[in-house]
Protein backbone atom coordinates (compact mmCIF):
# COMPACT_ATOMS: atom_id res chain seq x y z
CA UNK A 1 23.39 -11.39 -6.61
CA UNK A 2 20.80 -9.53 -4.50
CA UNK A 3 18.38 -11.67 -2.48
CA UNK A 4 14.84 -10.37 -2.25
CA UNK A 5 12.11 -11.56 0.08
CA UNK A 6 8.74 -12.39 -1.41
CA UNK A 7 6.01 -10.54 0.46
CA UNK A 8 2.33 -9.90 0.11
CA UNK A 9 1.83 -6.15 0.47
CA UNK A 10 -1.95 -5.88 0.13
CA UNK A 11 -2.66 -6.54 3.80
CA UNK A 12 -3.58 -3.43 5.80
CA UNK A 13 -1.48 -4.48 8.82
CA UNK A 14 1.80 -4.80 6.95
CA UNK A 15 3.65 -7.17 4.71
CA UNK A 16 3.50 -10.93 5.11
CA UNK A 17 6.52 -12.90 3.97
CA UNK A 18 7.40 -16.57 3.76
CA UNK A 19 8.30 -16.95 7.47
CA UNK A 20 4.94 -15.51 8.52
CA UNK A 21 3.09 -17.84 6.14
CA UNK A 22 4.98 -20.84 7.57
CA UNK A 23 4.00 -19.84 11.13
CA UNK A 24 0.36 -19.53 10.06
CA UNK A 25 0.55 -22.97 8.42
CA UNK A 26 2.05 -24.61 11.51
CA UNK A 27 -0.60 -22.99 13.73
CA UNK A 28 -3.27 -24.29 11.35
CA UNK A 29 -1.89 -27.82 11.64
CA UNK A 30 -1.80 -27.60 15.43
CA UNK A 31 -5.32 -26.22 15.73
CA UNK A 32 -7.12 -28.37 13.15
CA UNK A 33 -4.90 -31.46 13.13
CA UNK A 34 -6.91 -34.49 11.97
CA UNK A 35 -9.83 -32.36 10.80
CA UNK A 36 -7.70 -30.47 8.28
CA UNK A 37 -8.99 -32.39 5.20
CA UNK A 38 -12.58 -31.79 6.33
CA UNK A 39 -11.89 -28.09 6.91
CA UNK A 40 -10.24 -27.80 3.50
CA UNK A 41 -13.18 -29.50 1.81
CA UNK A 42 -15.74 -27.26 3.49
CA UNK A 43 -13.64 -24.19 2.69
CA UNK A 44 -13.46 -25.26 -0.96
CA UNK A 45 -17.23 -25.82 -1.11
CA UNK A 46 -17.81 -22.41 0.42
CA UNK A 47 -15.61 -20.74 -2.17
CA UNK A 48 -17.39 -22.57 -5.01
CA UNK A 49 -20.82 -21.57 -3.67
CA UNK A 50 -19.69 -17.97 -3.27
CA UNK A 51 -18.43 -17.83 -6.86
CA UNK A 52 -21.65 -19.43 -8.12
CA UNK A 53 -23.76 -16.86 -6.27
CA UNK A 54 -21.58 -14.05 -7.56
CA UNK A 55 -21.99 -15.30 -11.14
CA UNK A 56 -25.78 -15.48 -10.72
CA UNK A 57 -25.91 -11.91 -9.45
CA UNK A 58 -23.71 -10.70 -12.32
CA UNK A 59 -25.93 -12.49 -14.86
CA UNK A 60 -29.06 -11.01 -13.30
CA UNK A 61 -27.57 -7.52 -13.36
CA UNK A 62 -26.52 -7.98 -16.99
CA UNK A 63 -30.03 -9.12 -18.00
CA UNK A 64 -31.78 -6.33 -16.13
CA UNK A 65 -29.23 -3.80 -17.33
CA UNK A 66 -29.87 -4.82 -20.94
CA UNK A 67 -33.64 -4.58 -20.45
CA UNK A 68 -33.34 -1.13 -18.90
CA UNK A 69 -31.08 0.14 -21.67
CA UNK A 70 -33.53 -1.09 -24.33
CA UNK A 71 -36.46 0.58 -22.57
CA UNK A 72 -34.67 3.90 -22.19
CA UNK A 73 -33.45 4.29 -25.76
CA UNK A 74 -34.28 7.77 -27.03
CA UNK A 75 -36.71 8.00 -29.93
CA UNK A 76 -35.17 8.33 -33.33
CA UNK A 77 -34.45 11.91 -34.23
CA UNK A 78 -34.50 13.20 -37.79
CA UNK A 79 -31.16 13.80 -39.42
CA UNK A 80 -31.74 17.54 -39.63
CA UNK A 81 -34.16 19.64 -37.66
CA UNK A 82 -36.28 22.09 -39.60
CA UNK A 83 -35.22 25.65 -39.00
CA UNK A 84 -37.72 27.98 -37.43
CA UNK A 85 -38.14 31.29 -39.23
CA UNK A 86 -37.65 34.37 -37.11
CA UNK A 87 -40.68 36.66 -36.88
CA UNK A 88 -40.35 39.78 -38.98
CA UNK A 89 -39.90 43.03 -37.16
CA UNK A 90 -42.99 45.18 -37.07
CA UNK A 91 -42.83 48.40 -39.05
CA UNK A 92 -45.13 50.17 -36.66
CA UNK A 93 -48.28 49.32 -38.60
CA UNK A 94 -51.04 47.51 -36.77
CA UNK A 95 -53.59 45.25 -38.29
CA UNK A 96 -57.08 46.75 -38.46
CA UNK A 97 -60.44 45.21 -39.10
């Protein structure tokens, strides 16, 4: 059986595995300590507000995008365009009064 390490590879500075995440968690506990529930709550509220704002912007873009597309619709064109007759070649005769 081959053991594989779970890592997050989307970070620009390298891969972060389980040991790195544990170190970050311990540092978070040491730094925030008793205020950790308060920090978590405020972080959660911030995420919710960010998502709400993002949804509002997406809705506004959708509404304005729909209005713009309705305004810029091309006029209806006939199914077939009438053909234009080519002018006849002159036979050298000129019209006289």
